[in-house]
């Protein structure tokens, strides 16, 4: 599964509401050419973490829309974009998705 994302940027955002994550990821996917890699429940109980992949410009655009969409309905716990994940980072990401 990780091979299909090789060379792609990754955007990750975490919200305190799983429902808001789906609203935000829907807006992100409609705003730019990104693939949703995964949604995971987070340590906050009701929240979740979303990982999306694509070109750096698409991931940045999608992230901007996701955060703007989420802010009125949930707390944004964290968010980041990694332009070119290292092999070690890819391995770590793949491990969290398969658990």
PDB file of N, CA and C in Angstrom:
ATOM      1  N   UNK A   1       0.820  -1.200   0.000  1.00  0.00           N
ATOM      2  CA  UNK A   1       0.000   0.000   0.000  1.00  0.00           C
ATOM      3  C   UNK A   1       0.861   1.260   0.000  1.00  0.00           C
ATOM      4  N   UNK A   2       1.940   1.259   0.770  1.00  0.00           N
ATOM      5  CA  UNK A   2       2.799   2.438   0.860  1.00  0.00           C
ATOM      6  C   UNK A   2       3.422   2.783  -0.484  1.00  0.00           C
ATOM      7  N   UNK A   3       3.660   1.775  -1.331  1.00  0.00           N
ATOM      8  CA  UNK A   3       4.303   2.011  -2.620  1.00  0.00           C
ATOM      9  C   UNK A   3       3.486   2.946  -3.505  1.00  0.00           C
ATOM     10  N   UNK A   4       2.169   2.880  -3.388  1.00  0.00           N
ATOM     11  CA  UNK A   4       1.335   3.720  -4.240  1.00  0.00           C
ATOM     12  C   UNK A   4       1.480   5.210  -3.909  1.00  0.00           C
ATOM     13  N   UNK A   5       2.021   5.530  -2.748  1.00  0.00           N
ATOM     14  CA  UNK A   5       2.207   6.922  -2.344  1.00  0.00           C
ATOM     15  C   UNK A   5       3.652   7.392  -2.476  1.00  0.00           C
ATOM     16  N   UNK A   6       4.541   6.536  -2.981  1.00  0.00           N
ATOM     17  CA  UNK A   6       5.959   6.864  -3.069  1.00  0.00           C
ATOM     18  C   UNK A   6       6.174   8.184  -3.820  1.00  0.00           C
ATOM     19  N   UNK A   7       6.940   9.075  -3.205  1.00  0.00           N
ATOM     20  CA  UNK A   7       7.258  10.356  -3.820  1.00  0.00           C
ATOM     21  C   UNK A   7       6.197  11.427  -3.643  1.00  0.00           C
ATOM     22  N   UNK A   8       5.114  11.102  -2.954  1.00  0.00           N
ATOM     23  CA  UNK A   8       4.049  12.083  -2.751  1.00  0.00           C
ATOM     24  C   UNK A   8       4.224  12.810  -1.422  1.00  0.00           C
ATOM     25  N   UNK A   9       3.804  14.056  -1.405  1.00  0.00           N
ATOM     26  CA  UNK A   9       3.765  14.801  -0.150  1.00  0.00           C
ATOM     27  C   UNK A   9       2.661  14.219   0.725  1.00  0.00           C
ATOM     28  N   UNK A  10       2.763  14.471   2.024  1.00  0.00           N
ATOM     29  CA  UNK A  10       1.721  14.028   2.950  1.00  0.00           C
ATOM     30  C   UNK A  10       1.264  15.207   3.794  1.00  0.00           C
ATOM     31  N   UNK A  11      -0.034  15.304   3.962  1.00  0.00           N
ATOM     32  CA  UNK A  11      -0.632  16.289   4.855  1.00  0.00           C
ATOM     33  C   UNK A  11      -1.337  15.541   5.973  1.00  0.00           C
ATOM     34  N   UNK A  12      -1.130  15.978   7.194  1.00  0.00           N
ATOM     35  CA  UNK A  12      -1.728  15.311   8.347  1.00  0.00           C
ATOM     36  C   UNK A  12      -2.406  16.372   9.208  1.00  0.00           C
ATOM     37  N   UNK A  13      -3.663  16.119   9.544  1.00  0.00           N
ATOM     38  CA  UNK A  13      -4.313  17.012  10.504  1.00  0.00           C
ATOM     39  C   UNK A  13      -5.079  16.185  11.521  1.00  0.00           C
ATOM     40  N   UNK A  14      -5.139  16.734  12.725  1.00  0.00           N
ATOM     41  CA  UNK A  14      -5.797  16.061  13.837  1.00  0.00           C
ATOM     42  C   UNK A  14      -6.808  17.024  14.447  1.00  0.00           C
ATOM     43  N   UNK A  15      -8.011  16.534  14.631  1.00  0.00           N
ATOM     44  CA  UNK A  15      -9.082  17.333  15.223  1.00  0.00           C
ATOM     45  C   UNK A  15      -9.625  16.626  16.449  1.00  0.00           C
ATOM     46  N   UNK A  16     -10.323  17.358  17.300  1.00  0.00           N
ATOM     47  CA  UNK A  16     -10.894  16.747  18.500  1.00  0.00           C
ATOM     48  C   UNK A  16     -12.266  16.137  18.245  1.00  0.00           C
ATOM     49  N   UNK A  17     -12.693  16.086  16.991  1.00  0.00           N
ATOM     50  CA  UNK A  17     -13.989  15.514  16.622  1.00  0.00           C
ATOM     51  C   UNK A  17     -13.832  14.655  15.375  1.00  0.00           C
ATOM     52  N   UNK A  18     -14.165  13.375  15.489  1.00  0.00           N
ATOM     53  CA  UNK A  18     -14.066  12.486  14.327  1.00  0.00           C
ATOM     54  C   UNK A  18     -15.038  12.922  13.236  1.00  0.00           C
ATOM     55  N   UNK A  19     -16.211  13.334  13.617  1.00  0.00           N
ATOM     56  CA  UNK A  19     -17.193  13.804  12.639  1.00  0.00           C
ATOM     57  C   UNK A  19     -16.649  15.000  11.860  1.00  0.00           C
ATOM     58  N   UNK A  20     -16.045  15.938  12.559  1.00  0.00           N
ATOM     59  CA  UNK A  20     -15.463  17.115  11.898  1.00  0.00           C
ATOM     60  C   UNK A  20     -14.333  16.710  10.960  1.00  0.00           C
ATOM     61  N   UNK A  21     -13.606  15.646  11.298  1.00  0.00           N
ATOM     62  CA  UNK A  21     -12.543  15.151  10.408  1.00  0.00           C
ATOM     63  C   UNK A  21     -13.118  14.747   9.055  1.00  0.00           C
ATOM     64  N   UNK A  22     -14.272  14.077   9.072  1.00  0.00           N
ATOM     65  CA  UNK A  22     -14.875  13.659   7.806  1.00  0.00           C
ATOM     66  C   UNK A  22     -15.387  14.853   7.008  1.00  0.00           C
ATOM     67  N   UNK A  23     -15.908  15.848   7.691  1.00  0.00           N
ATOM     68  CA  UNK A  23     -16.343  17.066   7.011  1.00  0.00           C
ATOM     69  C   UNK A  23     -15.137  17.761   6.380  1.00  0.00           C
ATOM     70  N   UNK A  24     -14.046  17.884   7.146  1.00  0.00           N
ATOM     71  CA  UNK A  24     -12.837  18.548   6.659  1.00  0.00           C
ATOM     72  C   UNK A  24     -12.169  17.771   5.528  1.00  0.00           C
ATOM     73  N   UNK A  25     -12.099  16.435   5.651  1.00  0.00           N
ATOM     74  CA  UNK A  25     -11.446  15.664   4.582  1.00  0.00           C
ATOM     75  C   UNK A  25     -12.274  15.684   3.312  1.00  0.00           C
ATOM     76  N   UNK A  26     -13.589  15.734   3.429  1.00  0.00           N
ATOM     77  CA  UNK A  26     -14.436  15.849   2.244  1.00  0.00           C
ATOM     78  C   UNK A  26     -14.162  17.164   1.524  1.00  0.00           C
ATOM     79  N   UNK A  27     -14.085  18.250   2.277  1.00  0.00           N
ATOM     80  CA  UNK A  27     -13.783  19.555   1.683  1.00  0.00           C
ATOM     81  C   UNK A  27     -12.404  19.552   1.043  1.00  0.00           C
ATOM     82  N   UNK A  28     -11.435  18.937   1.708  1.00  0.00           N
ATOM     83  CA  UNK A  28     -10.062  18.870   1.186  1.00  0.00           C
ATOM     84  C   UNK A  28     -10.020  18.093  -0.121  1.00  0.00           C
ATOM     85  N   UNK A  29     -10.681  16.942  -0.155  1.00  0.00           N
ATOM     86  CA  UNK A  29     -10.671  16.097  -1.353  1.00  0.00           C
ATOM     87  C   UNK A  29     -11.356  16.768  -2.531  1.00  0.00           C
ATOM     88  N   UNK A  30     -12.332  17.617  -2.236  1.00  0.00           N
ATOM     89  CA  UNK A  30     -13.028  18.348  -3.303  1.00  0.00           C
ATOM     90  C   UNK A  30     -12.230  19.560  -3.778  1.00  0.00           C
ATOM     91  N   UNK A  31     -11.337  20.061  -2.931  1.00  0.00           N
ATOM     92  CA  UNK A  31     -10.590  21.281  -3.242  1.00  0.00           C
ATOM     93  C   UNK A  31      -9.344  21.040  -4.077  1.00  0.00           C
ATOM     94  N   UNK A  32      -8.759  19.846  -3.977  1.00  0.00           N
ATOM     95  CA  UNK A  32      -7.488  19.576  -4.662  1.00  0.00           C
ATOM     96  C   UNK A  32      -7.376  18.076  -4.948  1.00  0.00           C
ATOM     97  N   UNK A  33      -6.455  17.745  -5.814  1.00  0.00           N
ATOM     98  CA  UNK A  33      -6.248  16.344  -6.213  1.00  0.00           C
ATOM     99  C   UNK A  33      -5.412  15.609  -5.176  1.00  0.00           C
ATOM    100  N   UNK A  34      -6.054  15.233  -4.078  1.00  0.00           N
ATOM    101  CA  UNK A  34      -5.383  14.473  -3.030  1.00  0.00           C
ATOM    102  C   UNK A  34      -6.094  13.141  -2.844  1.00  0.00           C
ATOM    103  N   UNK A  35      -5.340  12.181  -2.327  1.00  0.00           N
ATOM    104  CA  UNK A  35      -5.892  10.880  -1.966  1.00  0.00           C
ATOM    105  C   UNK A  35      -5.886  10.788  -0.448  1.00  0.00           C
ATOM    106  N   UNK A  36      -6.991  10.362   0.123  1.00  0.00           N
ATOM    107  CA  UNK A  36      -7.039  10.178   1.561  1.00  0.00           C
ATOM    108  C   UNK A  36      -6.373   8.841   1.874  1.00  0.00           C
ATOM    109  N   UNK A  37      -5.286   8.888   2.636  1.00  0.00           N
ATOM    110  CA  UNK A  37      -4.531   7.679   2.963  1.00  0.00           C
ATOM    111  C   UNK A  37      -5.115   6.972   4.177  1.00  0.00           C
ATOM    112  N   UNK A  38      -5.657   7.713   5.100  1.00  0.00           N
ATOM    113  CA  UNK A  38      -6.218   7.067   6.279  1.00  0.00           C
ATOM    114  C   UNK A  38      -6.845   8.038   7.248  1.00  0.00           C
ATOM    115  N   UNK A  39      -7.751   7.513   8.056  1.00  0.00           N
ATOM    116  CA  UNK A  39      -8.370   8.249   9.158  1.00  0.00           C
ATOM    117  C   UNK A  39      -8.255   7.344  10.376  1.00  0.00           C
ATOM    118  N   UNK A  40      -7.668   7.863  11.440  1.00  0.00           N
ATOM    119  CA  UNK A  40      -7.461   7.070  12.648  1.00  0.00           C
ATOM    120  C   UNK A  40      -8.029   7.797  13.851  1.00  0.00           C
ATOM    121  N   UNK A  41      -8.687   7.061  14.734  1.00  0.00           N
ATOM    122  CA  UNK A  41      -9.136   7.638  15.994  1.00  0.00           C
ATOM    123  C   UNK A  41      -7.904   8.075  16.769  1.00  0.00           C
ATOM    124  N   UNK A  42      -7.988   9.168  17.490  1.00  0.00           N
ATOM    125  CA  UNK A  42      -6.815   9.645  18.224  1.00  0.00           C
ATOM    126  C   UNK A  42      -6.937   9.430  19.721  1.00  0.00           C
ATOM    127  N   UNK A  43      -5.919   9.826  20.411  1.00  0.00           N
ATOM    128  CA  UNK A  43      -5.844   9.625  21.859  1.00  0.00           C
ATOM    129  C   UNK A  43      -6.864  10.459  22.629  1.00  0.00           C
ATOM    130  N   UNK A  44      -7.495  11.395  21.960  1.00  0.00           N
ATOM    131  CA  UNK A  44      -8.461  12.266  22.626  1.00  0.00           C
ATOM    132  C   UNK A  44      -9.825  11.602  22.775  1.00  0.00           C
ATOM    133  N   UNK A  45      -9.976  10.425  22.231  1.00  0.00           N
ATOM    134  CA  UNK A  45     -11.231   9.687  22.364  1.00  0.00           C
ATOM    135  C   UNK A  45     -12.220   9.980  21.259  1.00  0.00           C
ATOM    136  N   UNK A  46     -12.683  11.199  21.166  1.00  0.00           N
ATOM    137  CA  UNK A  46     -13.688  11.542  20.164  1.00  0.00           C
ATOM    138  C   UNK A  46     -13.082  12.076  18.877  1.00  0.00           C
ATOM    139  N   UNK A  47     -11.794  12.306  18.868  1.00  0.00           N
ATOM    140  CA  UNK A  47     -11.145  12.923  17.713  1.00  0.00           C
ATOM    141  C   UNK A  47     -10.519  11.924  16.773  1.00  0.00           C
ATOM    142  N   UNK A  48      -9.899  12.460  15.726  1.00  0.00           N
ATOM    143  CA  UNK A  48      -9.260  11.604  14.728  1.00  0.00           C
ATOM    144  C   UNK A  48      -8.143  12.363  14.027  1.00  0.00           C
ATOM    145  N   UNK A  49      -7.311  11.587  13.347  1.00  0.00           N
ATOM    146  CA  UNK A  49      -6.188  12.096  12.565  1.00  0.00           C
ATOM    147  C   UNK A  49      -6.393  11.666  11.120  1.00  0.00           C
ATOM    148  N   UNK A  50      -6.222  12.587  10.196  1.00  0.00           N
ATOM    149  CA  UNK A  50      -6.396  12.314   8.765  1.00  0.00           C
ATOM    150  C   UNK A  50      -5.056  12.479   8.065  1.00  0.00           C
ATOM    151  N   UNK A  51      -4.738  11.531   7.166  1.00  0.00           N
ATOM    152  CA  UNK A  51      -3.538  11.610   6.341  1.00  0.00           C
ATOM    153  C   UNK A  51      -3.985  11.664   4.890  1.00  0.00           C
ATOM    154  N   UNK A  52      -3.473  12.648   4.156  1.00  0.00           N
ATOM    155  CA  UNK A  52      -3.797  12.766   2.738  1.00  0.00           C
ATOM    156  C   UNK A  52      -2.521  12.919   1.940  1.00  0.00           C
ATOM    157  N   UNK A  53      -2.534  12.435   0.704  1.00  0.00           N
ATOM    158  CA  UNK A  53      -1.335  12.414  -0.130  1.00  0.00           C
ATOM    159  C   UNK A  53      -1.609  13.060  -1.478  1.00  0.00           C
ATOM    160  N   UNK A  54      -0.551  13.607  -2.077  1.00  0.00           N
ATOM    161  CA  UNK A  54      -0.638  14.206  -3.404  1.00  0.00           C
ATOM    162  C   UNK A  54       0.609  15.032  -3.673  1.00  0.00           C
ATOM    163  N   UNK A  55       0.540  15.863  -4.696  1.00  0.00           N
ATOM    164  CA  UNK A  55       1.653  16.776  -4.965  1.00  0.00           C
ATOM    165  C   UNK A  55       1.711  17.798  -3.831  1.00  0.00           C
ATOM    166  N   UNK A  56       2.855  18.410  -3.649  1.00  0.00           N
ATOM    167  CA  UNK A  56       2.995  19.380  -2.560  1.00  0.00           C
ATOM    168  C   UNK A  56       1.984  20.519  -2.698  1.00  0.00           C
ATOM    169  N   UNK A  57       1.767  20.999  -3.909  1.00  0.00           N
ATOM    170  CA  UNK A  57       0.817  22.104  -4.088  1.00  0.00           C
ATOM    171  C   UNK A  57      -0.609  21.660  -3.790  1.00  0.00           C
ATOM    172  N   UNK A  58      -0.979  20.456  -4.204  1.00  0.00           N
ATOM    173  CA  UNK A  58      -2.324  19.958  -3.915  1.00  0.00           C
ATOM    174  C   UNK A  58      -2.522  19.698  -2.429  1.00  0.00           C
ATOM    175  N   UNK A  59      -1.518  19.123  -1.777  1.00  0.00           N
ATOM    176  CA  UNK A  59      -1.639  18.855  -0.344  1.00  0.00           C
ATOM    177  C   UNK A  59      -1.743  20.160   0.444  1.00  0.00           C
ATOM    178  N   UNK A  60      -0.939  21.154   0.077  1.00  0.00           N
ATOM    179  CA  UNK A  60      -1.023  22.445   0.775  1.00  0.00           C
ATOM    180  C   UNK A  60      -2.393  23.090   0.583  1.00  0.00           C
ATOM    181  N   UNK A  61      -2.910  23.054  -0.641  1.00  0.00           N
ATOM    182  CA  UNK A  61      -4.227  23.633  -0.912  1.00  0.00           C
ATOM    183  C   UNK A  61      -5.318  22.884  -0.152  1.00  0.00           C
ATOM    184  N   UNK A  62      -5.250  21.555  -0.167  1.00  0.00           N
ATOM    185  CA  UNK A  62      -6.241  20.748   0.533  1.00  0.00           C
ATOM    186  C   UNK A  62      -6.173  20.976   2.034  1.00  0.00           C
ATOM    187  N   UNK A  63      -4.963  21.093   2.566  1.00  0.00           N
ATOM    188  CA  UNK A  63      -4.795  21.325   3.998  1.00  0.00           C
ATOM    189  C   UNK A  63      -5.402  22.661   4.411  1.00  0.00           C
ATOM    190  N   UNK A  64      -5.158  23.677   3.614  1.00  0.00           N
ATOM    191  CA  UNK A  64      -5.719  24.997   3.911  1.00  0.00           C
ATOM    192  C   UNK A  64      -7.245  24.936   3.985  1.00  0.00           C
ATOM    193  N   UNK A  65      -7.851  24.261   3.022  1.00  0.00           N
ATOM    194  CA  UNK A  65      -9.313  24.132   3.003  1.00  0.00           C
ATOM    195  C   UNK A  65      -9.796  23.291   4.179  1.00  0.00           C
ATOM    196  N   UNK A  66      -9.113  22.201   4.471  1.00  0.00           N
ATOM    197  CA  UNK A  66      -9.508  21.328   5.581  1.00  0.00           C
ATOM    198  C   UNK A  66      -9.503  22.093   6.905  1.00  0.00           C
ATOM    199  N   UNK A  67      -8.437  22.820   7.158  1.00  0.00           N
ATOM    200  CA  UNK A  67      -8.331  23.557   8.420  1.00  0.00           C
ATOM    201  C   UNK A  67      -9.371  24.667   8.496  1.00  0.00           C
ATOM    202  N   UNK A  68      -9.543  25.401   7.406  1.00  0.00           N
ATOM    203  CA  UNK A  68     -10.554  26.467   7.371  1.00  0.00           C
ATOM    204  C   UNK A  68     -11.956  25.899   7.605  1.00  0.00           C
ATOM    205  N   UNK A  69     -12.230  24.725   7.057  1.00  0.00           N
ATOM    206  CA  UNK A  69     -13.528  24.088   7.229  1.00  0.00           C
ATOM    207  C   UNK A  69     -13.714  23.590   8.661  1.00  0.00           C
ATOM    208  N   UNK A  70     -12.661  23.061   9.246  1.00  0.00           N
ATOM    209  CA  UNK A  70     -12.751  22.471  10.582  1.00  0.00           C
ATOM    210  C   UNK A  70     -12.846  23.500  11.700  1.00  0.00           C
ATOM    211  N   UNK A  71     -12.183  24.625  11.555  1.00  0.00           N
ATOM    212  CA  UNK A  71     -12.068  25.589  12.669  1.00  0.00           C
ATOM    213  C   UNK A  71     -13.399  25.997  13.301  1.00  0.00           C
ATOM    214  N   UNK A  72     -14.464  26.221  12.537  1.00  0.00           N
ATOM    215  CA  UNK A  72     -15.722  26.610  13.199  1.00  0.00           C
ATOM    216  C   UNK A  72     -16.431  25.471  13.947  1.00  0.00           C
ATOM    217  N   UNK A  73     -16.067  24.221  13.660  1.00  0.00           N
ATOM    218  CA  UNK A  73     -16.822  23.100  14.226  1.00  0.00           C
ATOM    219  C   UNK A  73     -16.017  22.187  15.143  1.00  0.00           C
ATOM    220  N   UNK A  74     -14.702  22.388  15.208  1.00  0.00           N
ATOM    221  CA  UNK A  74     -13.866  21.521  16.042  1.00  0.00           C
ATOM    222  C   UNK A  74     -12.576  22.238  16.408  1.00  0.00           C
ATOM    223  N   UNK A  75     -11.895  21.683  17.405  1.00  0.00           N
ATOM    224  CA  UNK A  75     -10.576  22.199  17.753  1.00  0.00           C
ATOM    225  C   UNK A  75      -9.544  21.514  16.861  1.00  0.00           C
ATOM    226  N   UNK A  76      -8.700  22.316  16.217  1.00  0.00           N
ATOM    227  CA  UNK A  76      -7.602  21.781  15.429  1.00  0.00           C
ATOM    228  C   UNK A  76      -6.472  21.484  16.408  1.00  0.00           C
ATOM    229  N   UNK A  77      -6.189  20.211  16.611  1.00  0.00           N
ATOM    230  CA  UNK A  77      -5.155  19.800  17.558  1.00  0.00           C
ATOM    231  C   UNK A  77      -3.781  20.049  16.955  1.00  0.00           C
ATOM    232  N   UNK A  78      -3.606  19.630  15.700  1.00  0.00           N
ATOM    233  CA  UNK A  78      -2.341  19.849  15.013  1.00  0.00           C
ATOM    234  C   UNK A  78      -2.532  19.641  13.514  1.00  0.00           C
ATOM    235  N   UNK A  79      -1.586  20.157  12.748  1.00  0.00           N
ATOM    236  CA  UNK A  79      -1.589  19.934  11.305  1.00  0.00           C
ATOM    237  C   UNK A  79      -0.204  20.227  10.755  1.00  0.00           C
ATOM    238  N   UNK A  80       0.159  19.493   9.711  1.00  0.00           N
ATOM    239  CA  UNK A  80       1.455  19.694   9.080  1.00  0.00           C
ATOM    240  C   UNK A  80       1.448  19.118   7.674  1.00  0.00           C
ATOM    241  N   UNK A  81       2.404  19.580   6.886  1.00  0.00           N
ATOM    242  CA  UNK A  81       2.629  19.046   5.541  1.00  0.00           C
ATOM    243  C   UNK A  81       4.098  18.649   5.458  1.00  0.00           C
ATOM    244  N   UNK A  82       4.354  17.433   4.991  1.00  0.00           N
ATOM    245  CA  UNK A  82       5.721  16.967   4.753  1.00  0.00           C
ATOM    246  C   UNK A  82       5.873  16.850   3.247  1.00  0.00           C
ATOM    247  N   UNK A  83       6.747  17.666   2.680  1.00  0.00           N
ATOM    248  CA  UNK A  83       6.880  17.744   1.223  1.00  0.00           C
ATOM    249  C   UNK A  83       7.415  16.459   0.608  1.00  0.00           C
ATOM    250  N   UNK A  84       8.389  15.868   1.240  1.00  0.00           N
ATOM    251  CA  UNK A  84       9.037  14.672   0.681  1.00  0.00           C
ATOM    252  C   UNK A  84       9.442  13.748   1.822  1.00  0.00           C
ATOM    253  N   UNK A  85       8.520  12.900   2.282  1.00  0.00           N
ATOM    254  CA  UNK A  85       8.825  12.042   3.422  1.00  0.00           C
ATOM    255  C   UNK A  85       9.998  11.104   3.142  1.00  0.00           C
ATOM    256  N   UNK A  86      10.864  10.930   4.140  1.00  0.00           N
ATOM    257  CA  UNK A  86      11.978   9.995   4.015  1.00  0.00           C
ATOM    258  C   UNK A  86      11.444   8.563   4.029  1.00  0.00           C
ATOM    259  N   UNK A  87      12.282   7.623   3.651  1.00  0.00           N
ATOM    260  CA  UNK A  87      11.886   6.210   3.673  1.00  0.00           C
ATOM    261  C   UNK A  87      11.497   5.781   5.093  1.00  0.00           C
ATOM    262  N   UNK A  88      12.229   6.272   6.095  1.00  0.00           N
ATOM    263  CA  UNK A  88      11.928   5.933   7.481  1.00  0.00           C
ATOM    264  C   UNK A  88      10.570   6.483   7.901  1.00  0.00           C
ATOM    265  N   UNK A  89      10.279   7.699   7.447  1.00  0.00           N
ATOM    266  CA  UNK A  89       8.981   8.286   7.755  1.00  0.00           C
ATOM    267  C   UNK A  89       7.873   7.497   7.073  1.00  0.00           C
ATOM    268  N   UNK A  90       8.088   7.105   5.822  1.00  0.00           N
ATOM    269  CA  UNK A  90       7.104   6.291   5.091  1.00  0.00           C
ATOM    270  C   UNK A  90       6.839   4.986   5.825  1.00  0.00           C
ATOM    271  N   UNK A  91       7.889   4.364   6.339  1.00  0.00           N
ATOM    272  CA  UNK A  91       7.748   3.118   7.073  1.00  0.00           C
ATOM    273  C   UNK A  91       6.924   3.325   8.326  1.00  0.00           C
ATOM    274  N   UNK A  92       7.208   4.389   9.055  1.00  0.00           N
ATOM    275  CA  UNK A  92       6.466   4.688  10.284  1.00  0.00           C
ATOM    276  C   UNK A  92       5.002   4.974   9.983  1.00  0.00           C
ATOM    277  N   UNK A  93       4.733   5.707   8.924  1.00  0.00           N
ATOM    278  CA  UNK A  93       3.357   6.021   8.536  1.00  0.00           C
ATOM    279  C   UNK A  93       2.618   4.741   8.169  1.00  0.00           C
ATOM    280  N   UNK A  94       3.263   3.878   7.399  1.00  0.00           N
ATOM    281  CA  UNK A  94       2.651   2.617   6.983  1.00  0.00           C
ATOM    282  C   UNK A  94       2.326   1.748   8.202  1.00  0.00           C
ATOM    283  N   UNK A  95       3.188   1.772   9.203  1.00  0.00           N
ATOM    284  CA  UNK A  95       2.965   0.976  10.408  1.00  0.00           C
ATOM    285  C   UNK A  95       1.754   1.461  11.164  1.00  0.00           C
ATOM    286  N   UNK A  96       1.531   2.758  11.224  1.00  0.00           N
ATOM    287  CA  UNK A  96       0.365   3.274  11.971  1.00  0.00           C
ATOM    288  C   UNK A  96      -0.929   2.980  11.241  1.00  0.00           C
ATOM    289  N   UNK A  97      -0.873   2.905   9.933  1.00  0.00           N
ATOM    290  CA  UNK A  97      -2.089   2.656   9.153  1.00  0.00           C
ATOM    291  C   UNK A  97      -2.500   1.191   9.224  1.00  0.00           C
ATOM    292  N   UNK A  98      -1.551   0.290   9.309  1.00  0.00           N
ATOM    293  CA  UNK A  98      -1.879  -1.134   9.312  1.00  0.00           C
ATOM    294  C   UNK A  98      -2.277  -1.650  10.690  1.00  0.00           C
ATOM    295  N   UNK A  99      -2.076  -0.871  11.734  1.00  0.00           N
ATOM    296  CA  UNK A  99      -2.434  -1.325  13.088  1.00  0.00           C
ATOM    297  C   UNK A  99      -3.924  -1.310  13.289  1.00  0.00           C
TER     298      UNK A  99
END
